[in-house]
């Protein structure tokens, strides 16, 4: 006679409520060894797909001022800059440590003066640039080195700011390239600095007729240049109209006839102003209303980059001190 194990009936807690126990449930046989590998293989495939899509998502792509689309696998860690305004913008965005080489004119901030100099921005030493193994080369659209650098396998981004709007655009483009999330905030601070400089001027100096000489020639900053835009925001009148272009070479007689109230000029171009034919009759020279900027300040004024607000403050200081109607 088969003996059955007795079990308590469900819901009973008192004595005598027992019945034969049900037979034990059948257990499924273990999976073969090869089936146990399937989940591991699936996990490896999923992981590989994650890495593949991650690389695709983080690839950087932008269109430069040539209209060329440039693609990089990630934010560049080694940068060569061949334009001072681009060098300064990279540093303003907090990526100065990624610069490995600059053009001979890039001298701000001071730390870039210790970097290898690869010649001029228009016609740099290509061999030196290649030896630095940059992830990207930043240069002006007017540079003659872009095609050759690309032919040698280097990534090239051409950007050339010429106006306030260009400075903003280049700031945001480089912010995208360098993965700097607050580039727009940095630009807003620069723009606010220009506005603050304008608001600091006394009403008496507004409308002053200004001649800004960029270089001997004489080359002037016209209304359509970024320097001219700053002068307009400061509320003064540029004697060089936009129709002549951003930086036209003028006939010296044009400036004599325009008879500016005030002249702004860098130290390098200031020598011999009085000796120029007919210039002794210009009001600005007769009344000694000339602002001569030392080289470091002149560099600030002529570079369309992140120190634009500082340039506006230098101009405002000049107007406050030298413009007709300004307090002595």
C-alpha atoms as a PDB file:
ATOM      1  CA  UNK A   1       0.000   0.000   0.000  1.00  0.00           C
ATOM      2  CA  UNK A   2       1.381   3.344  -1.030  1.00  0.00           C
ATOM      3  CA  UNK A   3       1.825   5.788   1.786  1.00  0.00           C
ATOM      4  CA  UNK A   4       0.777   9.355   1.149  1.00  0.00           C
ATOM      5  CA  UNK A   5       2.191  12.367   2.899  1.00  0.00           C
ATOM      6  CA  UNK A   6      -0.580  14.301   4.641  1.00  0.00           C
ATOM      7  CA  UNK A   7      -0.836  18.053   4.370  1.00  0.00           C
ATOM      8  CA  UNK A   8      -3.060  20.563   6.146  1.00  0.00           C
ATOM      9  CA  UNK A   9      -6.080  21.638   4.155  1.00  0.00           C
ATOM     10  CA  UNK A  10      -5.969  25.188   2.891  1.00  0.00           C
ATOM     11  CA  UNK A  11      -7.532  27.676   5.314  1.00  0.00           C
ATOM     12  CA  UNK A  12      -7.445  25.259   8.315  1.00  0.00           C
ATOM     13  CA  UNK A  13      -5.400  25.929  11.375  1.00  0.00           C
ATOM     14  CA  UNK A  14      -7.100  23.310  13.726  1.00  0.00           C
ATOM     15  CA  UNK A  15      -6.257  19.597  14.273  1.00  0.00           C
ATOM     16  CA  UNK A  16      -7.710  16.789  12.076  1.00  0.00           C
ATOM     17  CA  UNK A  17      -8.032  18.853   8.924  1.00  0.00           C
ATOM     18  CA  UNK A  18      -5.539  17.040   6.684  1.00  0.00           C
ATOM     19  CA  UNK A  19      -5.623  15.377   3.295  1.00  0.00           C
ATOM     20  CA  UNK A  20      -3.107  13.645   1.009  1.00  0.00           C
ATOM     21  CA  UNK A  21      -0.535  16.115  -0.404  1.00  0.00           C
ATOM     22  CA  UNK A  22      -0.669  16.798  -4.169  1.00  0.00           C
ATOM     23  CA  UNK A  23       2.124  15.337  -6.269  1.00  0.00           C
ATOM     24  CA  UNK A  24       5.195  17.606  -6.647  1.00  0.00           C
ATOM     25  CA  UNK A  25       5.282  19.955  -9.702  1.00  0.00           C
ATOM     26  CA  UNK A  26       7.417  18.840 -12.584  1.00  0.00           C
ATOM     27  CA  UNK A  27      10.624  20.900 -13.096  1.00  0.00           C
ATOM     28  CA  UNK A  28      11.717  22.009 -16.606  1.00  0.00           C
ATOM     29  CA  UNK A  29      14.970  20.464 -17.778  1.00  0.00           C
ATOM     30  CA  UNK A  30      18.029  22.780 -17.698  1.00  0.00           C
ATOM     31  CA  UNK A  31      18.856  24.774 -20.852  1.00  0.00           C
ATOM     32  CA  UNK A  32      21.622  23.374 -22.995  1.00  0.00           C
ATOM     33  CA  UNK A  33      24.959  25.191 -22.613  1.00  0.00           C
ATOM     34  CA  UNK A  34      24.725  26.801 -26.051  1.00  0.00           C
ATOM     35  CA  UNK A  35      21.346  28.403 -25.206  1.00  0.00           C
ATOM     36  CA  UNK A  36      22.903  29.972 -22.090  1.00  0.00           C
ATOM     37  CA  UNK A  37      25.334  31.883 -24.376  1.00  0.00           C
ATOM     38  CA  UNK A  38      22.536  33.556 -26.340  1.00  0.00           C
ATOM     39  CA  UNK A  39      21.801  36.335 -23.785  1.00  0.00           C
ATOM     40  CA  UNK A  40      25.530  37.145 -23.563  1.00  0.00           C
ATOM     41  CA  UNK A  41      25.823  37.398 -27.334  1.00  0.00           C
ATOM     42  CA  UNK A  42      22.759  39.644 -27.512  1.00  0.00           C
ATOM     43  CA  UNK A  43      24.186  41.914 -24.817  1.00  0.00           C
ATOM     44  CA  UNK A  44      27.476  42.218 -26.720  1.00  0.00           C
ATOM     45  CA  UNK A  45      25.627  43.167 -29.926  1.00  0.00           C
ATOM     46  CA  UNK A  46      23.588  45.797 -28.082  1.00  0.00           C
ATOM     47  CA  UNK A  47      26.727  47.240 -26.498  1.00  0.00           C
ATOM     48  CA  UNK A  48      28.446  47.482 -29.876  1.00  0.00           C
ATOM     49  CA  UNK A  49      25.426  49.284 -31.318  1.00  0.00           C
ATOM     50  CA  UNK A  50      25.435  51.737 -28.408  1.00  0.00           C
ATOM     51  CA  UNK A  51      29.095  52.605 -29.059  1.00  0.00           C
ATOM     52  CA  UNK A  52      28.483  52.936 -32.806  1.00  0.00           C
ATOM     53  CA  UNK A  53      25.501  55.263 -32.404  1.00  0.00           C
ATOM     54  CA  UNK A  54      27.303  57.203 -29.658  1.00  0.00           C
ATOM     55  CA  UNK A  55      30.174  57.948 -32.020  1.00  0.00           C
ATOM     56  CA  UNK A  56      27.746  59.073 -34.706  1.00  0.00           C
ATOM     57  CA  UNK A  57      25.788  61.324 -32.346  1.00  0.00           C
ATOM     58  CA  UNK A  58      28.890  63.063 -30.959  1.00  0.00           C
ATOM     59  CA  UNK A  59      30.491  63.760 -34.345  1.00  0.00           C
ATOM     60  CA  UNK A  60      30.771  67.516 -34.900  1.00  0.00           C
ATOM     61  CA  UNK A  61      29.684  69.118 -38.141  1.00  0.00           C
ATOM     62  CA  UNK A  62      29.641  72.793 -39.073  1.00  0.00           C
ATOM     63  CA  UNK A  63      29.671  75.021 -42.147  1.00  0.00           C
ATOM     64  CA  UNK A  64      32.445  77.611 -42.290  1.00  0.00           C
ATOM     65  CA  UNK A  65      32.628  80.953 -44.106  1.00  0.00           C
ATOM     66  CA  UNK A  66      33.662  79.266 -47.373  1.00  0.00           C
ATOM     67  CA  UNK A  67      30.409  77.337 -47.321  1.00  0.00           C
ATOM     68  CA  UNK A  68      32.411  74.154 -46.703  1.00  0.00           C
ATOM     69  CA  UNK A  69      31.009  71.515 -44.363  1.00  0.00           C
ATOM     70  CA  UNK A  70      33.626  70.312 -41.887  1.00  0.00           C
ATOM     71  CA  UNK A  71      33.123  67.118 -39.868  1.00  0.00           C
ATOM     72  CA  UNK A  72      35.196  66.051 -36.871  1.00  0.00           C
ATOM     73  CA  UNK A  73      34.723  62.935 -34.743  1.00  0.00           C
ATOM     74  CA  UNK A  74      34.849  64.995 -31.526  1.00  0.00           C
ATOM     75  CA  UNK A  75      35.789  68.409 -30.189  1.00  0.00           C
ATOM     76  CA  UNK A  76      39.383  69.180 -31.275  1.00  0.00           C
ATOM     77  CA  UNK A  77      42.054  68.766 -28.630  1.00  0.00           C
ATOM     78  CA  UNK A  78      44.908  70.244 -30.701  1.00  0.00           C
ATOM     79  CA  UNK A  79      44.230  73.556 -32.468  1.00  0.00           C
ATOM     80  CA  UNK A  80      46.357  75.795 -34.672  1.00  0.00           C
ATOM     81  CA  UNK A  81      44.982  79.339 -35.093  1.00  0.00           C
ATOM     82  CA  UNK A  82      46.184  81.613 -37.898  1.00  0.00           C
ATOM     83  CA  UNK A  83      44.188  84.771 -37.091  1.00  0.00           C
ATOM     84  CA  UNK A  84      44.557  86.847 -33.881  1.00  0.00           C
ATOM     85  CA  UNK A  85      40.815  87.397 -33.470  1.00  0.00           C
ATOM     86  CA  UNK A  86      40.212  83.628 -33.719  1.00  0.00           C
ATOM     87  CA  UNK A  87      43.034  82.942 -31.247  1.00  0.00           C
ATOM     88  CA  UNK A  88      41.492  85.369 -28.764  1.00  0.00           C
ATOM     89  CA  UNK A  89      38.029  83.881 -29.263  1.00  0.00           C
ATOM     90  CA  UNK A  90      39.276  80.340 -28.582  1.00  0.00           C
ATOM     91  CA  UNK A  91      40.806  81.584 -25.316  1.00  0.00           C
ATOM     92  CA  UNK A  92      37.717  83.594 -24.366  1.00  0.00           C
ATOM     93  CA  UNK A  93      35.725  80.354 -24.727  1.00  0.00           C
ATOM     94  CA  UNK A  94      38.051  78.699 -22.198  1.00  0.00           C
ATOM     95  CA  UNK A  95      39.973  76.486 -24.636  1.00  0.00           C
ATOM     96  CA  UNK A  96      43.333  78.291 -24.676  1.00  0.00           C
ATOM     97  CA  UNK A  97      45.016  75.121 -23.398  1.00  0.00           C
ATOM     98  CA  UNK A  98      44.059  73.347 -26.635  1.00  0.00           C
ATOM     99  CA  UNK A  99      46.100  75.708 -28.811  1.00  0.00           C
ATOM    100  CA  UNK A 100      49.350  74.145 -30.029  1.00  0.00           C
ATOM    101  CA  UNK A 101      50.418  76.829 -32.532  1.00  0.00           C
ATOM    102  CA  UNK A 102      49.520  80.366 -33.672  1.00  0.00           C
ATOM    103  CA  UNK A 103      50.384  82.940 -36.337  1.00  0.00           C
ATOM    104  CA  UNK A 104      53.090  85.522 -35.629  1.00  0.00           C
ATOM    105  CA  UNK A 105      50.580  88.271 -34.841  1.00  0.00           C
ATOM    106  CA  UNK A 106      48.600  86.377 -32.185  1.00  0.00           C
ATOM    107  CA  UNK A 107      49.924  87.818 -28.913  1.00  0.00           C
ATOM    108  CA  UNK A 108      46.921  87.867 -26.564  1.00  0.00           C
ATOM    109  CA  UNK A 109      46.381  86.530 -23.997  1.00  0.00           C
ATOM    110  CA  UNK A 110      50.012  86.453 -22.874  1.00  0.00           C
ATOM    111  CA  UNK A 111      50.111  82.659 -22.617  1.00  0.00           C
ATOM    112  CA  UNK A 112      49.852  82.257 -26.407  1.00  0.00           C
ATOM    113  CA  UNK A 113      53.176  84.074 -26.818  1.00  0.00           C
ATOM    114  CA  UNK A 114      54.866  80.882 -25.603  1.00  0.00           C
ATOM    115  CA  UNK A 115      53.360  78.754 -28.366  1.00  0.00           C
ATOM    116  CA  UNK A 116      55.142  77.866 -31.627  1.00  0.00           C
ATOM    117  CA  UNK A 117      54.619  80.566 -34.259  1.00  0.00           C
ATOM    118  CA  UNK A 118      53.947  79.207 -37.731  1.00  0.00           C
ATOM    119  CA  UNK A 119      54.364  82.393 -39.766  1.00  0.00           C
ATOM    120  CA  UNK A 120      51.795  84.827 -41.131  1.00  0.00           C
ATOM    121  CA  UNK A 121      48.121  84.045 -41.369  1.00  0.00           C
ATOM    122  CA  UNK A 122      47.898  84.541 -45.128  1.00  0.00           C
ATOM    123  CA  UNK A 123      50.918  82.438 -46.072  1.00  0.00           C
ATOM    124  CA  UNK A 124      52.008  80.334 -43.068  1.00  0.00           C
ATOM    125  CA  UNK A 125      54.660  77.628 -42.828  1.00  0.00           C
ATOM    126  CA  UNK A 126      52.639  74.563 -43.828  1.00  0.00           C
ATOM    127  CA  UNK A 127      55.358  72.097 -42.820  1.00  0.00           C
ATOM    128  CA  UNK A 128      55.436  73.496 -39.278  1.00  0.00           C
ATOM    129  CA  UNK A 129      51.660  73.234 -39.016  1.00  0.00           C
ATOM    130  CA  UNK A 130      51.640  69.602 -40.158  1.00  0.00           C
ATOM    131  CA  UNK A 131      54.381  68.763 -37.640  1.00  0.00           C
ATOM    132  CA  UNK A 132      52.161  70.068 -34.811  1.00  0.00           C
ATOM    133  CA  UNK A 133      49.552  67.379 -35.678  1.00  0.00           C
ATOM    134  CA  UNK A 134      46.498  69.581 -35.129  1.00  0.00           C
ATOM    135  CA  UNK A 135      42.964  68.218 -35.059  1.00  0.00           C
ATOM    136  CA  UNK A 136      41.849  71.432 -36.757  1.00  0.00           C
ATOM    137  CA  UNK A 137      43.379  74.583 -38.242  1.00  0.00           C
ATOM    138  CA  UNK A 138      41.495  77.872 -37.855  1.00  0.00           C
ATOM    139  CA  UNK A 139      42.236  80.506 -40.484  1.00  0.00           C
ATOM    140  CA  UNK A 140      40.802  83.451 -42.407  1.00  0.00           C
ATOM    141  CA  UNK A 141      38.934  82.936 -45.661  1.00  0.00           C
ATOM    142  CA  UNK A 142      41.623  85.075 -47.317  1.00  0.00           C
ATOM    143  CA  UNK A 143      44.418  82.703 -46.283  1.00  0.00           C
ATOM    144  CA  UNK A 144      46.194  80.966 -49.151  1.00  0.00           C
ATOM    145  CA  UNK A 145      47.060  77.904 -47.044  1.00  0.00           C
ATOM    146  CA  UNK A 146      43.633  76.287 -46.701  1.00  0.00           C
ATOM    147  CA  UNK A 147      43.629  74.122 -49.826  1.00  0.00           C
ATOM    148  CA  UNK A 148      47.164  72.871 -49.283  1.00  0.00           C
ATOM    149  CA  UNK A 149      46.491  71.985 -45.646  1.00  0.00           C
ATOM    150  CA  UNK A 150      43.376  70.064 -46.661  1.00  0.00           C
ATOM    151  CA  UNK A 151      45.303  68.244 -49.381  1.00  0.00           C
ATOM    152  CA  UNK A 152      47.670  67.055 -46.649  1.00  0.00           C
ATOM    153  CA  UNK A 153      44.755  65.596 -44.705  1.00  0.00           C
ATOM    154  CA  UNK A 154      44.216  68.335 -42.119  1.00  0.00           C
ATOM    155  CA  UNK A 155      40.803  69.642 -41.082  1.00  0.00           C
ATOM    156  CA  UNK A 156      40.431  73.361 -41.876  1.00  0.00           C
ATOM    157  CA  UNK A 157      37.786  75.800 -40.610  1.00  0.00           C
ATOM    158  CA  UNK A 158      37.803  79.230 -42.291  1.00  0.00           C
ATOM    159  CA  UNK A 159      36.148  82.064 -40.333  1.00  0.00           C
ATOM    160  CA  UNK A 160      36.683  85.783 -40.819  1.00  0.00           C
ATOM    161  CA  UNK A 161      34.716  88.277 -38.709  1.00  0.00           C
ATOM    162  CA  UNK A 162      34.272  91.708 -40.293  1.00  0.00           C
ATOM    163  CA  UNK A 163      31.298  93.141 -38.389  1.00  0.00           C
ATOM    164  CA  UNK A 164      29.646  92.980 -34.975  1.00  0.00           C
ATOM    165  CA  UNK A 165      27.233  90.358 -36.333  1.00  0.00           C
ATOM    166  CA  UNK A 166      30.213  88.373 -37.636  1.00  0.00           C
ATOM    167  CA  UNK A 167      31.898  88.465 -34.225  1.00  0.00           C
ATOM    168  CA  UNK A 168      28.744  86.999 -32.696  1.00  0.00           C
ATOM    169  CA  UNK A 169      28.433  84.359 -35.428  1.00  0.00           C
ATOM    170  CA  UNK A 170      32.081  83.300 -35.150  1.00  0.00           C
ATOM    171  CA  UNK A 171      31.788  83.129 -31.361  1.00  0.00           C
ATOM    172  CA  UNK A 172      28.816  80.763 -31.662  1.00  0.00           C
ATOM    173  CA  UNK A 173      30.459  78.689 -34.422  1.00  0.00           C
ATOM    174  CA  UNK A 174      33.593  78.173 -32.350  1.00  0.00           C
ATOM    175  CA  UNK A 175      31.439  77.427 -29.334  1.00  0.00           C
ATOM    176  CA  UNK A 176      29.798  74.664 -31.364  1.00  0.00           C
ATOM    177  CA  UNK A 177      33.164  73.353 -32.571  1.00  0.00           C
ATOM    178  CA  UNK A 178      34.723  73.380 -29.099  1.00  0.00           C
ATOM    179  CA  UNK A 179      31.542  72.187 -27.345  1.00  0.00           C
ATOM    180  CA  UNK A 180      31.277  75.293 -25.159  1.00  0.00           C
ATOM    181  CA  UNK A 181      27.675  75.535 -24.046  1.00  0.00           C
ATOM    182  CA  UNK A 182      27.709  79.153 -22.842  1.00  0.00           C
ATOM    183  CA  UNK A 183      29.137  80.833 -25.962  1.00  0.00           C
ATOM    184  CA  UNK A 184      25.908  82.830 -26.365  1.00  0.00           C
ATOM    185  CA  UNK A 185      26.225  84.145 -22.800  1.00  0.00           C
ATOM    186  CA  UNK A 186      29.822  85.220 -23.468  1.00  0.00           C
ATOM    187  CA  UNK A 187      28.710  87.126 -26.567  1.00  0.00           C
ATOM    188  CA  UNK A 188      25.887  88.841 -24.670  1.00  0.00           C
ATOM    189  CA  UNK A 189      28.407  90.060 -22.085  1.00  0.00           C
ATOM    190  CA  UNK A 190      30.614  91.510 -24.852  1.00  0.00           C
ATOM    191  CA  UNK A 191      27.670  93.226 -26.534  1.00  0.00           C
ATOM    192  CA  UNK A 192      26.469  94.613 -23.202  1.00  0.00           C
ATOM    193  CA  UNK A 193      29.967  96.023 -22.628  1.00  0.00           C
ATOM    194  CA  UNK A 194      29.767  98.001 -25.891  1.00  0.00           C
ATOM    195  CA  UNK A 195      26.359  99.367 -24.880  1.00  0.00           C
ATOM    196  CA  UNK A 196      27.684 100.333 -21.462  1.00  0.00           C
ATOM    197  CA  UNK A 197      30.561 102.252 -23.059  1.00  0.00           C
ATOM    198  CA  UNK A 198      28.054 104.182 -25.177  1.00  0.00           C
ATOM    199  CA  UNK A 199      25.903 105.008 -22.165  1.00  0.00           C
ATOM    200  CA  UNK A 200      28.927 106.337 -20.292  1.00  0.00           C
ATOM    201  CA  UNK A 201      29.476 109.184 -22.772  1.00  0.00           C
ATOM    202  CA  UNK A 202      28.287 112.692 -21.946  1.00  0.00           C
ATOM    203  CA  UNK A 203      25.690 114.113 -24.297  1.00  0.00           C
ATOM    204  CA  UNK A 204      28.076 116.897 -25.391  1.00  0.00           C
ATOM    205  CA  UNK A 205      30.365 114.534 -27.324  1.00  0.00           C
ATOM    206  CA  UNK A 206      27.638 112.902 -29.387  1.00  0.00           C
ATOM    207  CA  UNK A 207      27.727 113.852 -33.026  1.00  0.00           C
ATOM    208  CA  UNK A 208      31.505 114.447 -33.003  1.00  0.00           C
ATOM    209  CA  UNK A 209      32.919 113.929 -36.516  1.00  0.00           C
ATOM    210  CA  UNK A 210      35.661 111.307 -36.256  1.00  0.00           C
ATOM    211  CA  UNK A 211      38.413 110.056 -38.553  1.00  0.00           C
ATOM    212  CA  UNK A 212      39.822 106.658 -37.532  1.00  0.00           C
ATOM    213  CA  UNK A 213      43.061 105.742 -39.320  1.00  0.00           C
ATOM    214  CA  UNK A 214      43.827 102.030 -39.339  1.00  0.00           C
ATOM    215  CA  UNK A 215      47.177 102.200 -41.111  1.00  0.00           C
ATOM    216  CA  UNK A 216      49.384 104.543 -43.061  1.00  0.00           C
ATOM    217  CA  UNK A 217      48.321 104.845 -46.642  1.00  0.00           C
ATOM    218  CA  UNK A 218      46.134 106.263 -45.334  1.00  0.00           C
ATOM    219  CA  UNK A 219      43.690 103.392 -44.741  1.00  0.00           C
ATOM    220  CA  UNK A 220      40.590 104.387 -42.792  1.00  0.00           C
ATOM    221  CA  UNK A 221      37.885 102.540 -40.886  1.00  0.00           C
ATOM    222  CA  UNK A 222      34.652 103.239 -42.755  1.00  0.00           C
ATOM    223  CA  UNK A 223      31.091 103.170 -41.417  1.00  0.00           C
ATOM    224  CA  UNK A 224      30.577  99.593 -42.630  1.00  0.00           C
ATOM    225  CA  UNK A 225      33.603  98.192 -40.736  1.00  0.00           C
ATOM    226  CA  UNK A 226      33.276  96.743 -37.255  1.00  0.00           C
ATOM    227  CA  UNK A 227      35.203  99.779 -35.980  1.00  0.00           C
ATOM    228  CA  UNK A 228      32.721 102.039 -37.779  1.00  0.00           C
ATOM    229  CA  UNK A 229      29.844 100.103 -36.212  1.00  0.00           C
ATOM    230  CA  UNK A 230      31.314 100.726 -32.766  1.00  0.00           C
ATOM    231  CA  UNK A 231      31.663 104.456 -33.498  1.00  0.00           C
ATOM    232  CA  UNK A 232      28.013 104.525 -34.594  1.00  0.00           C
ATOM    233  CA  UNK A 233      26.929 102.835 -31.379  1.00  0.00           C
ATOM    234  CA  UNK A 234      28.903 105.437 -29.446  1.00  0.00           C
ATOM    235  CA  UNK A 235      26.792 108.122 -31.103  1.00  0.00           C
ATOM    236  CA  UNK A 236      29.499 109.835 -33.183  1.00  0.00           C
ATOM    237  CA  UNK A 237      29.781 110.503 -36.917  1.00  0.00           C
ATOM    238  CA  UNK A 238      32.332 108.705 -39.076  1.00  0.00           C
ATOM    239  CA  UNK A 239      33.633 110.939 -41.892  1.00  0.00           C
ATOM    240  CA  UNK A 240      34.129 107.859 -44.122  1.00  0.00           C
ATOM    241  CA  UNK A 241      30.730 106.714 -45.473  1.00  0.00           C
ATOM    242  CA  UNK A 242      29.792 103.061 -45.941  1.00  0.00           C
ATOM    243  CA  UNK A 243      29.765 103.412 -49.733  1.00  0.00           C
ATOM    244  CA  UNK A 244      33.586 103.666 -49.704  1.00  0.00           C
ATOM    245  CA  UNK A 245      33.925 100.200 -48.143  1.00  0.00           C
ATOM    246  CA  UNK A 246      34.997  98.968 -44.708  1.00  0.00           C
ATOM    247  CA  UNK A 247      38.705  99.896 -44.901  1.00  0.00           C
ATOM    248  CA  UNK A 248      39.291 102.134 -47.928  1.00  0.00           C
ATOM    249  CA  UNK A 249      42.586 103.716 -48.918  1.00  0.00           C
ATOM    250  CA  UNK A 250      41.878 107.420 -49.053  1.00  0.00           C
ATOM    251  CA  UNK A 251      43.358 110.324 -50.896  1.00  0.00           C
ATOM    252  CA  UNK A 252      44.822 112.510 -48.101  1.00  0.00           C
ATOM    253  CA  UNK A 253      42.991 115.492 -49.611  1.00  0.00           C
ATOM    254  CA  UNK A 254      39.680 113.761 -48.871  1.00  0.00           C
ATOM    255  CA  UNK A 255      40.441 113.928 -45.140  1.00  0.00           C
ATOM    256  CA  UNK A 256      41.470 117.585 -45.404  1.00  0.00           C
ATOM    257  CA  UNK A 257      38.146 118.441 -47.072  1.00  0.00           C
ATOM    258  CA  UNK A 258      36.178 116.347 -44.525  1.00  0.00           C
ATOM    259  CA  UNK A 259      37.879 118.324 -41.726  1.00  0.00           C
ATOM    260  CA  UNK A 260      37.201 115.924 -38.793  1.00  0.00           C
ATOM    261  CA  UNK A 261      36.710 117.199 -35.239  1.00  0.00           C
ATOM    262  CA  UNK A 262      38.782 114.367 -33.787  1.00  0.00           C
ATOM    263  CA  UNK A 263      41.334 111.836 -35.075  1.00  0.00           C
ATOM    264  CA  UNK A 264      41.954 108.356 -33.674  1.00  0.00           C
ATOM    265  CA  UNK A 265      45.196 106.694 -34.747  1.00  0.00           C
ATOM    266  CA  UNK A 266      47.656 104.049 -33.572  1.00  0.00           C
ATOM    267  CA  UNK A 267      51.173 104.915 -32.472  1.00  0.00           C
ATOM    268  CA  UNK A 268      52.692 103.284 -35.565  1.00  0.00           C
ATOM    269  CA  UNK A 269      50.743 105.561 -37.910  1.00  0.00           C
ATOM    270  CA  UNK A 270      50.863 108.766 -35.871  1.00  0.00           C
ATOM    271  CA  UNK A 271      54.297 110.002 -36.914  1.00  0.00           C
ATOM    272  CA  UNK A 272      54.221 112.824 -39.428  1.00  0.00           C
ATOM    273  CA  UNK A 273      50.508 113.645 -39.315  1.00  0.00           C
ATOM    274  CA  UNK A 274      51.258 117.358 -39.179  1.00  0.00           C
ATOM    275  CA  UNK A 275      53.671 117.056 -42.097  1.00  0.00           C
ATOM    276  CA  UNK A 276      51.077 115.646 -44.498  1.00  0.00           C
ATOM    277  CA  UNK A 277      50.210 118.201 -47.188  1.00  0.00           C
ATOM    278  CA  UNK A 278      47.317 120.411 -46.097  1.00  0.00           C
ATOM    279  CA  UNK A 279      46.726 118.611 -42.827  1.00  0.00           C
ATOM    280  CA  UNK A 280      47.788 121.606 -40.732  1.00  0.00           C
ATOM    281  CA  UNK A 281      44.386 123.100 -41.547  1.00  0.00           C
ATOM    282  CA  UNK A 282      42.401 120.133 -40.155  1.00  0.00           C
ATOM    283  CA  UNK A 283      40.498 121.197 -37.051  1.00  0.00           C
ATOM    284  CA  UNK A 284      41.473 118.092 -35.063  1.00  0.00           C
ATOM    285  CA  UNK A 285      45.171 118.871 -35.541  1.00  0.00           C
ATOM    286  CA  UNK A 286      44.823 122.624 -35.019  1.00  0.00           C
ATOM    287  CA  UNK A 287      43.035 122.053 -31.694  1.00  0.00           C
ATOM    288  CA  UNK A 288      45.145 119.001 -30.731  1.00  0.00           C
ATOM    289  CA  UNK A 289      42.169 116.683 -30.674  1.00  0.00           C
ATOM    290  CA  UNK A 290      44.098 113.569 -31.597  1.00  0.00           C
ATOM    291  CA  UNK A 291      44.025 110.277 -29.662  1.00  0.00           C
ATOM    292  CA  UNK A 292      47.204 108.261 -30.253  1.00  0.00           C
ATOM    293  CA  UNK A 293      46.794 104.688 -29.046  1.00  0.00           C
ATOM    294  CA  UNK A 294      49.874 102.694 -27.995  1.00  0.00           C
ATOM    295  CA  UNK A 295      50.411  99.428 -29.851  1.00  0.00           C
ATOM    296  CA  UNK A 296      48.700  97.206 -27.283  1.00  0.00           C
ATOM    297  CA  UNK A 297      45.570  99.371 -27.304  1.00  0.00           C
ATOM    298  CA  UNK A 298      45.656  99.669 -31.099  1.00  0.00           C
ATOM    299  CA  UNK A 299      45.645  95.865 -31.322  1.00  0.00           C
ATOM    300  CA  UNK A 300      42.487  95.796 -29.210  1.00  0.00           C
ATOM    301  CA  UNK A 301      40.797  98.343 -31.466  1.00  0.00           C
ATOM    302  CA  UNK A 302      41.552  96.695 -34.828  1.00  0.00           C
ATOM    303  CA  UNK A 303      40.725  93.068 -33.940  1.00  0.00           C
ATOM    304  CA  UNK A 304      37.090  91.997 -34.392  1.00  0.00           C
ATOM    305  CA  UNK A 305      36.934  89.606 -31.461  1.00  0.00           C
ATOM    306  CA  UNK A 306      36.078  89.196 -27.802  1.00  0.00           C
ATOM    307  CA  UNK A 307      37.866  92.408 -26.736  1.00  0.00           C
ATOM    308  CA  UNK A 308      35.421  94.508 -28.736  1.00  0.00           C
ATOM    309  CA  UNK A 309      33.884  95.943 -25.562  1.00  0.00           C
ATOM    310  CA  UNK A 310      37.332  96.980 -24.358  1.00  0.00           C
ATOM    311  CA  UNK A 311      37.850  98.703 -27.704  1.00  0.00           C
ATOM    312  CA  UNK A 312      34.583 100.596 -27.222  1.00  0.00           C
ATOM    313  CA  UNK A 313      35.754 101.754 -23.789  1.00  0.00           C
ATOM    314  CA  UNK A 314      39.038 103.011 -25.286  1.00  0.00           C
ATOM    315  CA  UNK A 315      37.132 105.008 -27.887  1.00  0.00           C
ATOM    316  CA  UNK A 316      34.767 106.364 -25.231  1.00  0.00           C
ATOM    317  CA  UNK A 317      37.731 107.471 -23.116  1.00  0.00           C
ATOM    318  CA  UNK A 318      39.202 109.257 -26.127  1.00  0.00           C
ATOM    319  CA  UNK A 319      35.927 111.058 -26.843  1.00  0.00           C
ATOM    320  CA  UNK A 320      35.500 112.035 -23.198  1.00  0.00           C
ATOM    321  CA  UNK A 321      38.977 113.543 -23.082  1.00  0.00           C
ATOM    322  CA  UNK A 322      39.364 115.064 -26.570  1.00  0.00           C
ATOM    323  CA  UNK A 323      36.033 115.687 -28.269  1.00  0.00           C
ATOM    324  CA  UNK A 324      34.776 119.284 -28.661  1.00  0.00           C
ATOM    325  CA  UNK A 325      32.446 120.036 -25.774  1.00  0.00           C
ATOM    326  CA  UNK A 326      34.160 117.543 -23.496  1.00  0.00           C
ATOM    327  CA  UNK A 327      35.161 118.801 -20.094  1.00  0.00           C
ATOM    328  CA  UNK A 328      38.888 119.679 -19.846  1.00  0.00           C
END
